[in-house]
Amino acid sequence: MKFFIDTANLEQIKEAQDLGILDGVTTNPSLMAKEGISGKEAILNHYKTICEIVDGDISAEVLSTTYEEMIKEGDELAAIHPNIVVKIPMIKDGIKALKYFSNKGIKTNCTLIFSAGQALLAAKAGANYVSPFLGRLDDISVDGMNLIEEIRIIFDNYMFDTEILAASIRSPMHIINCAKIGADVITSPLDPILNLLNHPLTDKGLAQFVADAKKMG
């Protein structure tokens, strides 16, 4: 399973990269705004900087919602770097845009997936990734893991190349459950990834090893 980090914060991206397990990055307008990044030029330059840090797929989201505007914006994003994946919303014009970019050989990530039917349409249109949002489903008392399972079955049935990119990760257990079900990718804030390191017995055992080593001089 691939590990992407879901942030626009360069320090967090570098920290995840330094772990040696990072495969890519996803961002969105909200994450950009959180870092105080606004304006077309600043956003494009920020994506370029991320591409210089991480050698992997970098999802860059269009801000438009009409076909013509998404095409124009997506072409500009794709021109930044070969690793850019154009992130397209799950709407009618978004499906058309996915097909356009697929025909051009430009990678895409269909975002805001909340049903298996939406994932199926995106895969049919040639999306490289679909992003089901687990945490947001959990927020309305719907088990997001069931959605991952449904998409996995459909994609396996018809041998779609589209990868399942589990998004809106809130906890280490989200990551583990996605791995058990067969998500191809998770994209997560840094904390849930780092929390995979933690176990009280590891801490206890290490403390004992250190104490014993001191006794040995």
C-alpha atoms as a PDB file:
ATOM      1  CA  MET A   1       0.000   0.000   0.000  1.00  0.00           C
ATOM      2  CA  LYS A   2       1.249   3.456  -0.908  1.00  0.00           C
ATOM      3  CA  PHE A   3       1.492   6.195   1.712  1.00  0.00           C
ATOM      4  CA  PHE A   4       0.613   9.751   0.669  1.00  0.00           C
ATOM      5  CA  ILE A   5       0.581  12.703   3.048  1.00  0.00           C
ATOM      6  CA  ASP A   6      -2.445  14.986   2.945  1.00  0.00           C
ATOM      7  CA  THR A   7      -1.109  18.473   3.591  1.00  0.00           C
ATOM      8  CA  ALA A   8       0.344  21.598   2.040  1.00  0.00           C
ATOM      9  CA  ASN A   9       2.758  22.110   4.948  1.00  0.00           C
ATOM     10  CA  LEU A  10       6.308  21.786   3.625  1.00  0.00           C
ATOM     11  CA  GLU A  11       7.842  20.884   6.994  1.00  0.00           C
ATOM     12  CA  GLN A  12       5.403  18.006   7.466  1.00  0.00           C
ATOM     13  CA  ILE A  13       6.033  16.829   3.916  1.00  0.00           C
ATOM     14  CA  LYS A  14       9.788  16.866   4.559  1.00  0.00           C
ATOM     15  CA  GLU A  15       9.342  14.983   7.847  1.00  0.00           C
ATOM     16  CA  ALA A  16       7.287  12.277   6.137  1.00  0.00           C
ATOM     17  CA  GLN A  17       9.813  12.121   3.298  1.00  0.00           C
ATOM     18  CA  ASP A  18      12.657  11.678   5.780  1.00  0.00           C
ATOM     19  CA  LEU A  19      10.933   8.583   7.194  1.00  0.00           C
ATOM     20  CA  GLY A  20      11.606   6.896   3.862  1.00  0.00           C
ATOM     21  CA  ILE A  21       8.050   5.609   3.408  1.00  0.00           C
ATOM     22  CA  LEU A  22       6.409   8.490   1.514  1.00  0.00           C
ATOM     23  CA  ASP A  23       5.058   7.779  -1.972  1.00  0.00           C
ATOM     24  CA  GLY A  24       3.205  10.989  -2.765  1.00  0.00           C
ATOM     25  CA  VAL A  25       1.240  14.043  -1.623  1.00  0.00           C
ATOM     26  CA  THR A  26      -2.359  15.217  -1.849  1.00  0.00           C
ATOM     27  CA  THR A  27      -3.523  18.765  -1.293  1.00  0.00           C
ATOM     28  CA  ASN A  28      -6.708  20.774  -1.677  1.00  0.00           C
ATOM     29  CA  PRO A  29      -7.778  24.435  -1.504  1.00  0.00           C
ATOM     30  CA  SER A  30      -8.560  24.161   2.220  1.00  0.00           C
ATOM     31  CA  LEU A  31      -5.074  22.851   2.995  1.00  0.00           C
ATOM     32  CA  MET A  32      -3.507  25.589   0.882  1.00  0.00           C
ATOM     33  CA  ALA A  33      -5.518  28.248   2.689  1.00  0.00           C
ATOM     34  CA  LYS A  34      -4.478  26.770   6.042  1.00  0.00           C
ATOM     35  CA  GLU A  35      -0.855  27.497   5.102  1.00  0.00           C
ATOM     36  CA  GLY A  36      -1.719  31.038   4.031  1.00  0.00           C
ATOM     37  CA  ILE A  37      -1.191  30.288   0.335  1.00  0.00           C
ATOM     38  CA  SER A  38      -3.482  32.178  -2.006  1.00  0.00           C
ATOM     39  CA  GLY A  39      -3.359  33.520  -5.523  1.00  0.00           C
ATOM     40  CA  LYS A  40      -2.681  31.562  -8.692  1.00  0.00           C
ATOM     41  CA  GLU A  41       1.059  32.214  -8.894  1.00  0.00           C
ATOM     42  CA  ALA A  42       1.677  31.348  -5.239  1.00  0.00           C
ATOM     43  CA  ILE A  43      -0.309  28.120  -5.526  1.00  0.00           C
ATOM     44  CA  LEU A  44       1.505  26.995  -8.690  1.00  0.00           C
ATOM     45  CA  ASN A  45       4.883  27.764  -7.120  1.00  0.00           C
ATOM     46  CA  HIS A  46       3.927  25.815  -3.999  1.00  0.00           C
ATOM     47  CA  TYR A  47       3.070  22.750  -6.065  1.00  0.00           C
ATOM     48  CA  LYS A  48       6.422  23.100  -7.836  1.00  0.00           C
ATOM     49  CA  THR A  49       8.238  23.180  -4.485  1.00  0.00           C
ATOM     50  CA  ILE A  50       6.419  20.041  -3.316  1.00  0.00           C
ATOM     51  CA  CYS A  51       7.436  18.258  -6.525  1.00  0.00           C
ATOM     52  CA  GLU A  52      11.065  19.150  -5.780  1.00  0.00           C
ATOM     53  CA  ILE A  53      10.805  17.500  -2.330  1.00  0.00           C
ATOM     54  CA  VAL A  54       8.869  14.316  -3.153  1.00  0.00           C
ATOM     55  CA  ASP A  55       9.539  12.029  -6.112  1.00  0.00           C
ATOM     56  CA  GLY A  56       6.024  10.666  -6.422  1.00  0.00           C
ATOM     57  CA  ASP A  57       2.518  11.563  -7.530  1.00  0.00           C
ATOM     58  CA  ILE A  58       1.408  14.992  -6.300  1.00  0.00           C
ATOM     59  CA  SER A  59      -2.334  15.648  -6.512  1.00  0.00           C
ATOM     60  CA  ALA A  60      -3.112  19.264  -7.429  1.00  0.00           C
ATOM     61  CA  GLU A  61      -6.781  20.187  -7.266  1.00  0.00           C
ATOM     62  CA  VAL A  62      -8.623  22.339  -9.783  1.00  0.00           C
ATOM     63  CA  LEU A  63     -10.697  25.156  -8.304  1.00  0.00           C
ATOM     64  CA  SER A  64     -13.194  25.265 -11.181  1.00  0.00           C
ATOM     65  CA  THR A  65     -16.486  23.399 -11.560  1.00  0.00           C
ATOM     66  CA  THR A  66     -17.239  23.705 -15.291  1.00  0.00           C
ATOM     67  CA  TYR A  67     -15.742  21.474 -17.970  1.00  0.00           C
ATOM     68  CA  GLU A  68     -14.029  24.224 -19.942  1.00  0.00           C
ATOM     69  CA  GLU A  69     -12.510  25.832 -16.837  1.00  0.00           C
ATOM     70  CA  MET A  70     -11.360  22.496 -15.391  1.00  0.00           C
ATOM     71  CA  ILE A  71      -9.645  21.639 -18.675  1.00  0.00           C
ATOM     72  CA  LYS A  72      -7.832  24.964 -18.792  1.00  0.00           C
ATOM     73  CA  GLU A  73      -6.806  24.826 -15.140  1.00  0.00           C
ATOM     74  CA  GLY A  74      -5.846  21.141 -15.269  1.00  0.00           C
ATOM     75  CA  ASP A  75      -3.608  21.680 -18.288  1.00  0.00           C
ATOM     76  CA  GLU A  76      -1.813  24.464 -16.402  1.00  0.00           C
ATOM     77  CA  LEU A  77      -1.348  22.263 -13.338  1.00  0.00           C
ATOM     78  CA  ALA A  78      -0.079  19.311 -15.375  1.00  0.00           C
ATOM     79  CA  ALA A  79       2.513  21.568 -17.024  1.00  0.00           C
ATOM     80  CA  ILE A  80       4.165  22.253 -13.641  1.00  0.00           C
ATOM     81  CA  HIS A  81       5.872  18.859 -13.366  1.00  0.00           C
ATOM     82  CA  PRO A  82       5.490  15.304 -14.763  1.00  0.00           C
ATOM     83  CA  ASN A  83       4.498  14.037 -11.298  1.00  0.00           C
ATOM     84  CA  ILE A  84       1.444  16.275 -11.029  1.00  0.00           C
ATOM     85  CA  VAL A  85      -1.893  14.427 -10.845  1.00  0.00           C
ATOM     86  CA  VAL A  86      -4.862  16.653 -11.677  1.00  0.00           C
ATOM     87  CA  LYS A  87      -7.470  16.373  -8.943  1.00  0.00           C
ATOM     88  CA  ILE A  88     -11.026  16.596 -10.292  1.00  0.00           C
ATOM     89  CA  PRO A  89     -14.301  16.767  -8.304  1.00  0.00           C
ATOM     90  CA  MET A  90     -16.953  14.066  -8.689  1.00  0.00           C
ATOM     91  CA  ILE A  91     -19.487  16.026 -10.726  1.00  0.00           C
ATOM     92  CA  LYS A  92     -20.910  15.571 -14.227  1.00  0.00           C
ATOM     93  CA  ASP A  93     -18.459  17.959 -15.863  1.00  0.00           C
ATOM     94  CA  GLY A  94     -15.726  16.352 -13.770  1.00  0.00           C
ATOM     95  CA  ILE A  95     -16.373  12.983 -15.436  1.00  0.00           C
ATOM     96  CA  LYS A  96     -16.029  14.660 -18.836  1.00  0.00           C
ATOM     97  CA  ALA A  97     -12.776  16.269 -17.703  1.00  0.00           C
ATOM     98  CA  LEU A  98     -11.440  12.921 -16.451  1.00  0.00           C
ATOM     99  CA  LYS A  99     -12.008  11.444 -19.914  1.00  0.00           C
ATOM    100  CA  TYR A 100     -10.311  14.423 -21.567  1.00  0.00           C
ATOM    101  CA  PHE A 101      -7.210  14.137 -19.395  1.00  0.00           C
ATOM    102  CA  SER A 102      -7.151  10.347 -19.736  1.00  0.00           C
ATOM    103  CA  ASN A 103      -7.089  10.673 -23.517  1.00  0.00           C
ATOM    104  CA  LYS A 104      -4.173  13.129 -23.194  1.00  0.00           C
ATOM    105  CA  GLY A 105      -2.201  10.809 -20.914  1.00  0.00           C
ATOM    106  CA  ILE A 106      -2.454  13.186 -17.950  1.00  0.00           C
ATOM    107  CA  LYS A 107      -2.927  11.483 -14.574  1.00  0.00           C
ATOM    108  CA  THR A 108      -6.066  12.272 -12.593  1.00  0.00           C
ATOM    109  CA  ASN A 109      -7.484  11.809  -9.103  1.00  0.00           C
ATOM    110  CA  CYS A 110     -11.268  11.967  -8.744  1.00  0.00           C
ATOM    111  CA  THR A 111     -12.033  13.455  -5.345  1.00  0.00           C
ATOM    112  CA  LEU A 112     -15.100  13.645  -3.086  1.00  0.00           C
ATOM    113  CA  ILE A 113     -16.150  10.027  -3.702  1.00  0.00           C
ATOM    114  CA  PHE A 114     -18.892   8.871  -1.345  1.00  0.00           C
ATOM    115  CA  SER A 115     -20.463   5.939  -3.220  1.00  0.00           C
ATOM    116  CA  ALA A 116     -19.420   2.900  -5.232  1.00  0.00           C
ATOM    117  CA  GLY A 117     -21.394   4.238  -8.201  1.00  0.00           C
ATOM    118  CA  GLN A 118     -19.328   7.424  -8.233  1.00  0.00           C
ATOM    119  CA  ALA A 119     -16.118   5.383  -8.115  1.00  0.00           C
ATOM    120  CA  LEU A 120     -17.322   3.211 -10.993  1.00  0.00           C
ATOM    121  CA  LEU A 121     -18.067   6.241 -13.177  1.00  0.00           C
ATOM    122  CA  ALA A 122     -14.663   7.746 -12.429  1.00  0.00           C
ATOM    123  CA  ALA A 123     -12.906   4.476 -13.294  1.00  0.00           C
ATOM    124  CA  LYS A 124     -14.875   4.198 -16.548  1.00  0.00           C
ATOM    125  CA  ALA A 125     -13.770   7.731 -17.430  1.00  0.00           C
ATOM    126  CA  GLY A 126     -10.123   6.716 -16.956  1.00  0.00           C
ATOM    127  CA  ALA A 127      -9.246   8.192 -13.562  1.00  0.00           C
ATOM    128  CA  ASN A 128      -5.908   6.974 -12.202  1.00  0.00           C
ATOM    129  CA  TYR A 129      -7.136   7.384  -8.620  1.00  0.00           C
ATOM    130  CA  VAL A 130     -10.486   7.626  -6.875  1.00  0.00           C
ATOM    131  CA  SER A 131     -10.585   9.218  -3.422  1.00  0.00           C
ATOM    132  CA  PRO A 132     -13.339   7.914  -1.116  1.00  0.00           C
ATOM    133  CA  PHE A 133     -13.579  10.096   2.009  1.00  0.00           C
ATOM    134  CA  LEU A 134     -13.698   7.786   5.024  1.00  0.00           C
ATOM    135  CA  GLY A 135     -13.731  10.267   7.895  1.00  0.00           C
ATOM    136  CA  ARG A 136     -16.536  12.336   6.443  1.00  0.00           C
ATOM    137  CA  LEU A 137     -18.674   9.203   6.066  1.00  0.00           C
ATOM    138  CA  ASP A 138     -17.902   8.263   9.670  1.00  0.00           C
ATOM    139  CA  ASP A 139     -19.044  11.762  10.675  1.00  0.00           C
ATOM    140  CA  ILE A 140     -22.572  10.970   9.438  1.00  0.00           C
ATOM    141  CA  SER A 141     -22.580   7.486  11.036  1.00  0.00           C
ATOM    142  CA  VAL A 142     -21.798   5.609   7.812  1.00  0.00           C
ATOM    143  CA  ASP A 143     -18.994   3.029   7.856  1.00  0.00           C
ATOM    144  CA  GLY A 144     -16.487   4.272   5.300  1.00  0.00           C
ATOM    145  CA  MET A 145     -14.727   0.902   5.250  1.00  0.00           C
ATOM    146  CA  ASN A 146     -17.774  -0.682   3.626  1.00  0.00           C
ATOM    147  CA  LEU A 147     -17.329   1.734   0.739  1.00  0.00           C
ATOM    148  CA  ILE A 148     -13.680   0.717   0.313  1.00  0.00           C
ATOM    149  CA  GLU A 149     -14.760  -2.942   0.230  1.00  0.00           C
ATOM    150  CA  GLU A 150     -17.454  -2.273  -2.394  1.00  0.00           C
ATOM    151  CA  ILE A 151     -15.063  -0.359  -4.648  1.00  0.00           C
ATOM    152  CA  ARG A 152     -12.375  -3.049  -4.250  1.00  0.00           C
ATOM    153  CA  ILE A 153     -14.822  -5.763  -5.371  1.00  0.00           C
ATOM    154  CA  ILE A 154     -16.002  -3.763  -8.396  1.00  0.00           C
ATOM    155  CA  PHE A 155     -12.512  -2.800  -9.522  1.00  0.00           C
ATOM    156  CA  ASP A 156     -11.289  -6.399  -9.133  1.00  0.00           C
ATOM    157  CA  ASN A 157     -14.323  -7.775 -10.995  1.00  0.00           C
ATOM    158  CA  TYR A 158     -13.519  -5.736 -14.078  1.00  0.00           C
ATOM    159  CA  MET A 159      -9.762  -5.340 -13.649  1.00  0.00           C
ATOM    160  CA  PHE A 160      -9.825  -1.544 -13.602  1.00  0.00           C
ATOM    161  CA  ASP A 161      -6.378   0.009 -13.349  1.00  0.00           C
ATOM    162  CA  THR A 162      -7.805   2.834 -11.225  1.00  0.00           C
ATOM    163  CA  GLU A 163      -6.291   2.866  -7.738  1.00  0.00           C
ATOM    164  CA  ILE A 164      -8.337   3.299  -4.569  1.00  0.00           C
ATOM    165  CA  LEU A 165      -6.877   6.249  -2.659  1.00  0.00           C
ATOM    166  CA  ALA A 166      -8.476   6.259   0.793  1.00  0.00           C
ATOM    167  CA  ALA A 167      -8.805   9.862   1.987  1.00  0.00           C
ATOM    168  CA  SER A 168     -10.079  11.725   5.051  1.00  0.00           C
ATOM    169  CA  ILE A 169      -8.004   9.450   7.272  1.00  0.00           C
ATOM    170  CA  ARG A 170      -8.490  10.263  10.950  1.00  0.00           C
ATOM    171  CA  SER A 171      -6.630   7.553  12.879  1.00  0.00           C
ATOM    172  CA  PRO A 172      -4.023   4.773  12.669  1.00  0.00           C
ATOM    173  CA  MET A 173      -6.861   2.220  12.637  1.00  0.00           C
ATOM    174  CA  HIS A 174      -8.219   3.818   9.479  1.00  0.00           C
ATOM    175  CA  ILE A 175      -4.838   3.099   7.891  1.00  0.00           C
ATOM    176  CA  ILE A 176      -4.676  -0.498   9.173  1.00  0.00           C
ATOM    177  CA  ASN A 177      -8.236  -1.277   8.101  1.00  0.00           C
ATOM    178  CA  CYS A 178      -7.598   0.180   4.645  1.00  0.00           C
ATOM    179  CA  ALA A 179      -4.540  -2.067   4.335  1.00  0.00           C
ATOM    180  CA  LYS A 180      -6.577  -5.122   5.396  1.00  0.00           C
ATOM    181  CA  ILE A 181      -9.365  -4.380   2.915  1.00  0.00           C
ATOM    182  CA  GLY A 182      -6.986  -3.697   0.044  1.00  0.00           C
ATOM    183  CA  ALA A 183      -6.917   0.053  -0.579  1.00  0.00           C
ATOM    184  CA  ASP A 184      -4.082   0.812  -2.985  1.00  0.00           C
ATOM    185  CA  VAL A 185      -3.169   4.099  -1.301  1.00  0.00           C
ATOM    186  CA  ILE A 186      -3.948   6.036   1.856  1.00  0.00           C
ATOM    187  CA  THR A 187      -3.531   9.767   2.141  1.00  0.00           C
ATOM    188  CA  SER A 188      -3.298  10.987   5.689  1.00  0.00           C
ATOM    189  CA  PRO A 189      -2.197  13.890   7.845  1.00  0.00           C
ATOM    190  CA  LEU A 190       1.184  13.293   9.443  1.00  0.00           C
ATOM    191  CA  ASP A 191      -0.055  12.387  12.944  1.00  0.00           C
ATOM    192  CA  PRO A 192      -1.947   9.162  12.091  1.00  0.00           C
ATOM    193  CA  ILE A 193       1.089   7.959  10.137  1.00  0.00           C
ATOM    194  CA  LEU A 194       3.463   8.706  13.022  1.00  0.00           C
ATOM    195  CA  ASN A 195       1.051   7.077  15.478  1.00  0.00           C
ATOM    196  CA  LEU A 196       1.589   3.772  13.682  1.00  0.00           C
ATOM    197  CA  LEU A 197       4.986   3.788  15.415  1.00  0.00           C
ATOM    198  CA  ASN A 198       3.470   3.710  18.876  1.00  0.00           C
ATOM    199  CA  HIS A 199       2.777   0.779  21.182  1.00  0.00           C
ATOM    200  CA  PRO A 200       3.096   0.786  24.989  1.00  0.00           C
ATOM    201  CA  LEU A 201       4.891  -2.572  24.990  1.00  0.00           C
ATOM    202  CA  THR A 202       7.484  -1.198  22.573  1.00  0.00           C
ATOM    203  CA  ASP A 203       8.066   1.747  24.913  1.00  0.00           C
ATOM    204  CA  LYS A 204       8.244  -0.543  27.932  1.00  0.00           C
ATOM    205  CA  GLY A 205      10.599  -2.986  26.230  1.00  0.00           C
ATOM    206  CA  LEU A 206      12.899  -0.243  24.986  1.00  0.00           C
ATOM    207  CA  ALA A 207      13.068   1.336  28.440  1.00  0.00           C
ATOM    208  CA  GLN A 208      14.077  -2.055  29.864  1.00  0.00           C
ATOM    209  CA  PHE A 209      16.740  -2.554  27.185  1.00  0.00           C
ATOM    210  CA  VAL A 210      18.203   0.882  27.901  1.00  0.00           C
ATOM    211  CA  ALA A 211      18.201   0.239  31.641  1.00  0.00           C
ATOM    212  CA  ASP A 212      19.893  -3.152  31.191  1.00  0.00           C
ATOM    213  CA  ALA A 213      22.489  -1.654  28.863  1.00  0.00           C
ATOM    214  CA  LYS A 214      23.416   0.920  31.522  1.00  0.00           C
ATOM    215  CA  LYS A 215      23.860  -1.849  34.076  1.00  0.00           C
ATOM    216  CA  MET A 216      26.301  -3.537  31.696  1.00  0.00           C
ATOM    217  CA  GLY A 217      28.386  -0.376  31.627  1.00  0.00           C
END
